[in-house]
Amino acid sequence: MNAPKMNVLVLGWEYPPAVAGGLGAACQGLTRALSARGHRIHLALPDACRPYRASDEDRGEAEAIYLGTSDAGVHGEDPRSGGGF
């Protein structure tokens, strides 16, 4: 019996070739394994990763979604005040 195909969102702060630790390699391994089973993978990465193109995205195994970074609300500001985002 074939399992239904899923849309999977992988959240991380790094992804090869931009790595600072082991999270990027772990995300890449999961991305490749799930994609090989026919699942559709979306990588949610910070804007700081934008200069890098994930090799998995180039091969069609994943689609990168870059999230803007902001400290709005971190120091008690109301994010609706127009600052940050």
PDB file of N, CA and C in Angstrom:
ATOM      1  N   MET A   1       0.842  -1.183   0.000  1.00  0.00           N
ATOM      2  CA  MET A   1       0.000   0.000   0.000  1.00  0.00           C
ATOM      3  C   MET A   1       0.888   1.248   0.000  1.00  0.00           C
ATOM      4  N   ASN A   2       0.589   2.200  -0.870  1.00  0.00           N
ATOM      5  CA  ASN A   2       1.350   3.438  -0.947  1.00  0.00           C
ATOM      6  C   ASN A   2       0.790   4.473   0.014  1.00  0.00           C
ATOM      7  N   ALA A   3       1.682   5.106   0.745  1.00  0.00           N
ATOM      8  CA  ALA A   3       1.271   6.176   1.658  1.00  0.00           C
ATOM      9  C   ALA A   3       0.940   7.419   0.843  1.00  0.00           C
ATOM     10  N   PRO A   4      -0.006   8.249   1.311  1.00  0.00           N
ATOM     11  CA  PRO A   4      -0.320   9.483   0.598  1.00  0.00           C
ATOM     12  C   PRO A   4       0.870  10.441   0.610  1.00  0.00           C
ATOM     13  N   LYS A   5       1.007  11.211  -0.452  1.00  0.00           N
ATOM     14  CA  LYS A   5       2.095  12.186  -0.550  1.00  0.00           C
ATOM     15  C   LYS A   5       1.755  13.401   0.302  1.00  0.00           C
ATOM     16  N   MET A   6       2.782  13.983   0.903  1.00  0.00           N
ATOM     17  CA  MET A   6       2.586  15.111   1.808  1.00  0.00           C
ATOM     18  C   MET A   6       3.322  16.348   1.313  1.00  0.00           C
ATOM     19  N   ASN A   7       2.840  17.514   1.739  1.00  0.00           N
ATOM     20  CA  ASN A   7       3.576  18.763   1.640  1.00  0.00           C
ATOM     21  C   ASN A   7       4.246  18.959   2.989  1.00  0.00           C
ATOM     22  N   VAL A   8       5.571  19.105   3.006  1.00  0.00           N
ATOM     23  CA  VAL A   8       6.330  19.188   4.245  1.00  0.00           C
ATOM     24  C   VAL A   8       7.047  20.530   4.312  1.00  0.00           C
ATOM     25  N   LEU A   9       6.916  21.216   5.447  1.00  0.00           N
ATOM     26  CA  LEU A   9       7.624  22.472   5.691  1.00  0.00           C
ATOM     27  C   LEU A   9       8.754  22.184   6.654  1.00  0.00           C
ATOM     28  N   VAL A  10       9.990  22.454   6.226  1.00  0.00           N
ATOM     29  CA  VAL A  10      11.173  22.264   7.053  1.00  0.00           C
ATOM     30  C   VAL A  10      11.663  23.641   7.478  1.00  0.00           C
ATOM     31  N   LEU A  11      11.668  23.901   8.784  1.00  0.00           N
ATOM     32  CA  LEU A  11      12.130  25.183   9.322  1.00  0.00           C
ATOM     33  C   LEU A  11      13.560  25.042   9.802  1.00  0.00           C
ATOM     34  N   GLY A  12      14.393  25.995   9.464  1.00  0.00           N
ATOM     35  CA  GLY A  12      15.777  25.955   9.920  1.00  0.00           C
ATOM     36  C   GLY A  12      16.428  27.313   9.777  1.00  0.00           C
ATOM     37  N   TRP A  13      17.585  27.458  10.395  1.00  0.00           N
ATOM     38  CA  TRP A  13      18.310  28.725  10.280  1.00  0.00           C
ATOM     39  C   TRP A  13      19.559  28.554   9.433  1.00  0.00           C
ATOM     40  N   GLU A  14      19.784  27.340   8.907  1.00  0.00           N
ATOM     41  CA  GLU A  14      20.910  27.116   8.016  1.00  0.00           C
ATOM     42  C   GLU A  14      20.572  25.953   7.096  1.00  0.00           C
ATOM     43  N   TYR A  15      21.260  25.923   5.963  1.00  0.00           N
ATOM     44  CA  TYR A  15      21.088  24.833   5.019  1.00  0.00           C
ATOM     45  C   TYR A  15      22.314  24.824   4.119  1.00  0.00           C
ATOM     46  N   PRO A  16      22.890  23.662   3.828  1.00  0.00           N
ATOM     47  CA  PRO A  16      24.096  23.613   3.008  1.00  0.00           C
ATOM     48  C   PRO A  16      23.916  24.382   1.704  1.00  0.00           C
ATOM     49  N   PRO A  17      24.901  25.135   1.298  1.00  0.00           N
ATOM     50  CA  PRO A  17      26.273  25.146   1.799  1.00  0.00           C
ATOM     51  C   PRO A  17      26.510  26.075   2.984  1.00  0.00           C
ATOM     52  N   ALA A  18      25.510  26.809   3.439  1.00  0.00           N
ATOM     53  CA  ALA A  18      25.673  27.723   4.580  1.00  0.00           C
ATOM     54  C   ALA A  18      25.371  26.972   5.862  1.00  0.00           C
ATOM     55  N   VAL A  19      26.398  26.528   6.565  1.00  0.00           N
ATOM     56  CA  VAL A  19      26.183  25.781   7.798  1.00  0.00           C
ATOM     57  C   VAL A  19      27.061  26.330   8.911  1.00  0.00           C
ATOM     58  N   ALA A  20      26.529  26.282  10.118  1.00  0.00           N
ATOM     59  CA  ALA A  20      27.277  26.692  11.302  1.00  0.00           C
ATOM     60  C   ALA A  20      27.348  25.547  12.308  1.00  0.00           C
ATOM     61  N   GLY A  21      26.574  24.518  12.071  1.00  0.00           N
ATOM     62  CA  GLY A  21      26.524  23.374  12.980  1.00  0.00           C
ATOM     63  C   GLY A  21      25.938  22.181  12.251  1.00  0.00           C
ATOM     64  N   GLY A  22      25.163  21.376  12.955  1.00  0.00           N
ATOM     65  CA  GLY A  22      24.630  20.165  12.361  1.00  0.00           C
ATOM     66  C   GLY A  22      23.211  20.243  11.852  1.00  0.00           C
ATOM     67  N   LEU A  23      22.480  21.329  12.179  1.00  0.00           N
ATOM     68  CA  LEU A  23      21.084  21.416  11.769  1.00  0.00           C
ATOM     69  C   LEU A  23      20.927  21.396  10.258  1.00  0.00           C
ATOM     70  N   GLY A  24      21.776  22.118   9.561  1.00  0.00           N
ATOM     71  CA  GLY A  24      21.676  22.173   8.107  1.00  0.00           C
ATOM     72  C   GLY A  24      21.830  20.810   7.462  1.00  0.00           C
ATOM     73  N   ALA A  25      22.806  20.050   7.934  1.00  0.00           N
ATOM     74  CA  ALA A  25      23.025  18.706   7.383  1.00  0.00           C
ATOM     75  C   ALA A  25      21.838  17.793   7.691  1.00  0.00           C
ATOM     76  N   ALA A  26      21.278  17.917   8.890  1.00  0.00           N
ATOM     77  CA  ALA A  26      20.115  17.106   9.256  1.00  0.00           C
ATOM     78  C   ALA A  26      18.912  17.468   8.380  1.00  0.00           C
ATOM     79  N   CYS A  27      18.681  18.755   8.172  1.00  0.00           N
ATOM     80  CA  CYS A  27      17.571  19.198   7.316  1.00  0.00           C
ATOM     81  C   CYS A  27      17.762  18.706   5.884  1.00  0.00           C
ATOM     82  N   GLN A  28      18.993  18.742   5.405  1.00  0.00           N
ATOM     83  CA  GLN A  28      19.259  18.288   4.050  1.00  0.00           C
ATOM     84  C   GLN A  28      18.994  16.786   3.921  1.00  0.00           C
ATOM     85  N   GLY A  29      19.399  16.014   4.924  1.00  0.00           N
ATOM     86  CA  GLY A  29      19.147  14.573   4.889  1.00  0.00           C
ATOM     87  C   GLY A  29      17.662  14.252   4.877  1.00  0.00           C
ATOM     88  N   LEU A  30      16.894  14.947   5.731  1.00  0.00           N
ATOM     89  CA  LEU A  30      15.445  14.752   5.758  1.00  0.00           C
ATOM     90  C   LEU A  30      14.806  15.164   4.435  1.00  0.00           C
ATOM     91  N   THR A  31      15.260  16.298   3.902  1.00  0.00           N
ATOM     92  CA  THR A  31      14.719  16.804   2.643  1.00  0.00           C
ATOM     93  C   THR A  31      14.920  15.794   1.523  1.00  0.00           C
ATOM     94  N   ARG A  32      16.125  15.275   1.418  1.00  0.00           N
ATOM     95  CA  ARG A  32      16.418  14.332   0.342  1.00  0.00           C
ATOM     96  C   ARG A  32      15.649  13.023   0.507  1.00  0.00           C
ATOM     97  N   ALA A  33      15.562  12.520   1.735  1.00  0.00           N
ATOM     98  CA  ALA A  33      14.853  11.254   1.968  1.00  0.00           C
ATOM     99  C   ALA A  33      13.358  11.388   1.691  1.00  0.00           C
ATOM    100  N   LEU A  34      12.751  12.465   2.165  1.00  0.00           N
ATOM    101  CA  LEU A  34      11.318  12.661   1.943  1.00  0.00           C
ATOM    102  C   LEU A  34      11.013  12.916   0.468  1.00  0.00           C
ATOM    103  N   SER A  35      11.874  13.681  -0.191  1.00  0.00           N
ATOM    104  CA  SER A  35      11.677  13.954  -1.610  1.00  0.00           C
ATOM    105  C   SER A  35      11.787  12.669  -2.429  1.00  0.00           C
ATOM    106  N   ALA A  36      12.712  11.800  -2.054  1.00  0.00           N
ATOM    107  CA  ALA A  36      12.876  10.530  -2.767  1.00  0.00           C
ATOM    108  C   ALA A  36      11.618   9.663  -2.663  1.00  0.00           C
ATOM    109  N   ARG A  37      10.823   9.892  -1.629  1.00  0.00           N
ATOM    110  CA  ARG A  37       9.572   9.148  -1.462  1.00  0.00           C
ATOM    111  C   ARG A  37       8.382   9.858  -2.125  1.00  0.00           C
ATOM    112  N   GLY A  38       8.683  10.968  -2.810  1.00  0.00           N
ATOM    113  CA  GLY A  38       7.648  11.653  -3.568  1.00  0.00           C
ATOM    114  C   GLY A  38       6.952  12.796  -2.857  1.00  0.00           C
ATOM    115  N   HIS A  39       7.407  13.150  -1.659  1.00  0.00           N
ATOM    116  CA  HIS A  39       6.792  14.251  -0.924  1.00  0.00           C
ATOM    117  C   HIS A  39       7.329  15.585  -1.433  1.00  0.00           C
ATOM    118  N   ARG A  40       6.529  16.632  -1.322  1.00  0.00           N
ATOM    119  CA  ARG A  40       6.923  17.975  -1.747  1.00  0.00           C
ATOM    120  C   ARG A  40       7.472  18.717  -0.540  1.00  0.00           C
ATOM    121  N   ILE A  41       8.694  19.240  -0.645  1.00  0.00           N
ATOM    122  CA  ILE A  41       9.386  19.847   0.482  1.00  0.00           C
ATOM    123  C   ILE A  41       9.547  21.345   0.259  1.00  0.00           C
ATOM    124  N   HIS A  42       9.271  22.126   1.309  1.00  0.00           N
ATOM    125  CA  HIS A  42       9.494  23.574   1.318  1.00  0.00           C
ATOM    126  C   HIS A  42      10.467  23.863   2.451  1.00  0.00           C
ATOM    127  N   LEU A  43      11.534  24.587   2.157  1.00  0.00           N
ATOM    128  CA  LEU A  43      12.519  24.975   3.163  1.00  0.00           C
ATOM    129  C   LEU A  43      12.254  26.414   3.578  1.00  0.00           C
ATOM    130  N   ALA A  44      11.989  26.656   4.851  1.00  0.00           N
ATOM    131  CA  ALA A  44      11.816  28.015   5.367  1.00  0.00           C
ATOM    132  C   ALA A  44      13.136  28.414   6.020  1.00  0.00           C
ATOM    133  N   LEU A  45      13.815  29.386   5.407  1.00  0.00           N
ATOM    134  CA  LEU A  45      15.136  29.819   5.843  1.00  0.00           C
ATOM    135  C   LEU A  45      15.153  31.323   6.054  1.00  0.00           C
ATOM    136  N   PRO A  46      16.050  31.832   6.903  1.00  0.00           N
ATOM    137  CA  PRO A  46      16.154  33.279   7.081  1.00  0.00           C
ATOM    138  C   PRO A  46      16.744  33.942   5.838  1.00  0.00           C
ATOM    139  N   ASP A  47      16.470  35.237   5.700  1.00  0.00           N
ATOM    140  CA  ASP A  47      16.998  36.000   4.569  1.00  0.00           C
ATOM    141  C   ASP A  47      18.512  35.897   4.466  1.00  0.00           C
ATOM    142  N   ALA A  48      19.188  35.696   5.584  1.00  0.00           N
ATOM    143  CA  ALA A  48      20.651  35.614   5.572  1.00  0.00           C
ATOM    144  C   ALA A  48      21.144  34.462   4.706  1.00  0.00           C
ATOM    145  N   CYS A  49      20.314  33.470   4.449  1.00  0.00           N
ATOM    146  CA  CYS A  49      20.693  32.339   3.600  1.00  0.00           C
ATOM    147  C   CYS A  49      20.433  32.610   2.127  1.00  0.00           C
ATOM    148  N   ARG A  50      19.816  33.735   1.807  1.00  0.00           N
ATOM    149  CA  ARG A  50      19.415  34.010   0.423  1.00  0.00           C
ATOM    150  C   ARG A  50      20.574  33.961  -0.577  1.00  0.00           C
ATOM    151  N   PRO A  51      21.765  34.413  -0.238  1.00  0.00           N
ATOM    152  CA  PRO A  51      22.832  34.349  -1.251  1.00  0.00           C
ATOM    153  C   PRO A  51      23.176  32.919  -1.654  1.00  0.00           C
ATOM    154  N   TYR A  52      22.777  31.961  -0.842  1.00  0.00           N
ATOM    155  CA  TYR A  52      23.094  30.566  -1.105  1.00  0.00           C
ATOM    156  C   TYR A  52      21.900  29.893  -1.753  1.00  0.00           C
ATOM    157  N   ARG A  53      22.167  29.082  -2.753  1.00  0.00           N
ATOM    158  CA  ARG A  53      21.101  28.281  -3.358  1.00  0.00           C
ATOM    159  C   ARG A  53      21.279  26.853  -2.896  1.00  0.00           C
ATOM    160  N   ALA A  54      20.262  26.348  -2.272  1.00  0.00           N
ATOM    161  CA  ALA A  54      20.323  24.971  -1.800  1.00  0.00           C
ATOM    162  C   ALA A  54      20.446  24.034  -2.992  1.00  0.00           C
ATOM    163  N   SER A  55      21.385  23.118  -2.924  1.00  0.00           N
ATOM    164  CA  SER A  55      21.568  22.184  -4.036  1.00  0.00           C
ATOM    165  C   SER A  55      20.302  21.364  -4.263  1.00  0.00           C
ATOM    166  N   ASP A  56      19.543  21.093  -3.189  1.00  0.00           N
ATOM    167  CA  ASP A  56      18.310  20.329  -3.333  1.00  0.00           C
ATOM    168  C   ASP A  56      17.267  21.124  -4.122  1.00  0.00           C
ATOM    169  N   GLU A  57      17.264  22.441  -3.931  1.00  0.00           N
ATOM    170  CA  GLU A  57      16.329  23.270  -4.684  1.00  0.00           C
ATOM    171  C   GLU A  57      16.710  23.239  -6.169  1.00  0.00           C
ATOM    172  N   ASP A  58      18.005  23.286  -6.460  1.00  0.00           N
ATOM    173  CA  ASP A  58      18.457  23.251  -7.847  1.00  0.00           C
ATOM    174  C   ASP A  58      18.051  21.955  -8.534  1.00  0.00           C
ATOM    175  N   ARG A  59      17.997  20.863  -7.795  1.00  0.00           N
ATOM    176  CA  ARG A  59      17.626  19.570  -8.375  1.00  0.00           C
ATOM    177  C   ARG A  59      16.121  19.350  -8.341  1.00  0.00           C
ATOM    178  N   GLY A  60      15.365  20.304  -7.836  1.00  0.00           N
ATOM    179  CA  GLY A  60      13.924  20.159  -7.790  1.00  0.00           C
ATOM    180  C   GLY A  60      13.418  19.356  -6.605  1.00  0.00           C
ATOM    181  N   GLU A  61      14.291  19.077  -5.617  1.00  0.00           N
ATOM    182  CA  GLU A  61      13.869  18.306  -4.448  1.00  0.00           C
ATOM    183  C   GLU A  61      13.204  19.169  -3.391  1.00  0.00           C
ATOM    184  N   ALA A  62      13.444  20.471  -3.427  1.00  0.00           N
ATOM    185  CA  ALA A  62      12.893  21.360  -2.409  1.00  0.00           C
ATOM    186  C   ALA A  62      12.719  22.757  -2.986  1.00  0.00           C
ATOM    187  N   GLU A  63      11.825  23.503  -2.371  1.00  0.00           N
ATOM    188  CA  GLU A  63      11.600  24.905  -2.732  1.00  0.00           C
ATOM    189  C   GLU A  63      11.933  25.744  -1.507  1.00  0.00           C
ATOM    190  N   ALA A  64      12.821  26.746  -1.681  1.00  0.00           N
ATOM    191  CA  ALA A  64      13.213  27.600  -0.565  1.00  0.00           C
ATOM    192  C   ALA A  64      12.232  28.754  -0.405  1.00  0.00           C
ATOM    193  N   ILE A  65      11.875  29.029   0.844  1.00  0.00           N
ATOM    194  CA  ILE A  65      11.046  30.173   1.204  1.00  0.00           C
ATOM    195  C   ILE A  65      11.892  30.992   2.167  1.00  0.00           C
ATOM    196  N   TYR A  66      12.220  32.225   1.795  1.00  0.00           N
ATOM    197  CA  TYR A  66      13.082  33.046   2.635  1.00  0.00           C
ATOM    198  C   TYR A  66      12.236  33.968   3.497  1.00  0.00           C
ATOM    199  N   LEU A  67      12.489  33.935   4.785  1.00  0.00           N
ATOM    200  CA  LEU A  67      11.738  34.715   5.758  1.00  0.00           C
ATOM    201  C   LEU A  67      12.556  35.924   6.177  1.00  0.00           C
ATOM    202  N   GLY A  68      11.931  37.099   6.174  1.00  0.00           N
ATOM    203  CA  GLY A  68      12.607  38.293   6.639  1.00  0.00           C
ATOM    204  C   GLY A  68      12.895  38.199   8.127  1.00  0.00           C
ATOM    205  N   THR A  69      13.932  38.880   8.548  1.00  0.00           N
ATOM    206  CA  THR A  69      14.271  38.876   9.964  1.00  0.00           C
ATOM    207  C   THR A  69      13.969  40.244  10.539  1.00  0.00           C
ATOM    208  N   SER A  70      13.541  40.263  11.765  1.00  0.00           N
ATOM    209  CA  SER A  70      13.180  41.505  12.424  1.00  0.00           C
ATOM    210  C   SER A  70      13.199  41.282  13.922  1.00  0.00           C
ATOM    211  N   ASP A  71      13.502  42.325  14.661  1.00  0.00           N
ATOM    212  CA  ASP A  71      13.435  42.226  16.113  1.00  0.00           C
ATOM    213  C   ASP A  71      12.182  42.911  16.644  1.00  0.00           C
ATOM    214  N   ALA A  72      11.194  43.140  15.775  1.00  0.00           N
ATOM    215  CA  ALA A  72       9.953  43.770  16.206  1.00  0.00           C
ATOM    216  C   ALA A  72       9.307  42.939  17.306  1.00  0.00           C
ATOM    217  N   GLY A  73       8.946  43.581  18.379  1.00  0.00           N
ATOM    218  CA  GLY A  73       8.290  42.897  19.469  1.00  0.00           C
ATOM    219  C   GLY A  73       9.251  42.299  20.476  1.00  0.00           C
ATOM    220  N   VAL A  74      10.520  42.225  20.138  1.00  0.00           N
ATOM    221  CA  VAL A  74      11.488  41.613  21.039  1.00  0.00           C
ATOM    222  C   VAL A  74      11.689  42.455  22.290  1.00  0.00           C
ATOM    223  N   HIS A  75      11.685  43.760  22.137  1.00  0.00           N
ATOM    224  CA  HIS A  75      11.933  44.651  23.267  1.00  0.00           C
ATOM    225  C   HIS A  75      10.666  45.337  23.738  1.00  0.00           C
ATOM    226  N   GLY A  76       9.533  44.690  23.544  1.00  0.00           N
ATOM    227  CA  GLY A  76       8.275  45.211  24.035  1.00  0.00           C
ATOM    228  C   GLY A  76       7.538  46.104  23.066  1.00  0.00           C
ATOM    229  N   GLU A  77       8.074  46.308  21.861  1.00  0.00           N
ATOM    230  CA  GLU A  77       7.379  47.153  20.899  1.00  0.00           C
ATOM    231  C   GLU A  77       6.150  46.416  20.361  1.00  0.00           C
ATOM    232  N   ASP A  78       5.165  47.166  19.998  1.00  0.00           N
ATOM    233  CA  ASP A  78       3.985  46.593  19.356  1.00  0.00           C
ATOM    234  C   ASP A  78       4.306  46.425  17.880  1.00  0.00           C
ATOM    235  N   PRO A  79       4.355  45.196  17.355  1.00  0.00           N
ATOM    236  CA  PRO A  79       4.705  45.012  15.956  1.00  0.00           C
ATOM    237  C   PRO A  79       3.741  45.699  14.987  1.00  0.00           C
ATOM    238  N   ARG A  80       2.550  46.053  15.459  1.00  0.00           N
ATOM    239  CA  ARG A  80       1.589  46.751  14.591  1.00  0.00           C
ATOM    240  C   ARG A  80       1.915  48.226  14.468  1.00  0.00           C
ATOM    241  N   SER A  81       2.921  48.716  15.213  1.00  0.00           N
ATOM    242  CA  SER A  81       3.242  50.145  15.195  1.00  0.00           C
ATOM    243  C   SER A  81       3.981  50.576  13.937  1.00  0.00           C
ATOM    244  N   GLY A  82       4.319  49.618  13.073  1.00  0.00           N
ATOM    245  CA  GLY A  82       4.992  49.968  11.826  1.00  0.00           C
ATOM    246  C   GLY A  82       6.487  49.734  11.876  1.00  0.00           C
ATOM    247  N   GLY A  83       7.042  49.448  13.021  1.00  0.00           N
ATOM    248  CA  GLY A  83       8.461  49.180  13.112  1.00  0.00           C
ATOM    249  C   GLY A  83       8.754  47.726  12.803  1.00  0.00           C
ATOM    250  N   GLY A  84       9.904  47.488  12.278  1.00  0.00           N
ATOM    251  CA  GLY A  84      10.347  46.117  12.059  1.00  0.00           C
ATOM    252  C   GLY A  84       9.902  45.512  10.748  1.00  0.00           C
ATOM    253  N   PHE A  85       8.743  44.960  10.691  1.00  0.00           N
ATOM    254  CA  PHE A  85       8.317  44.218   9.500  1.00  0.00           C
ATOM    255  C   PHE A  85       8.098  45.115   8.325  1.00  0.00           C
TER     256      PHE A  85
END
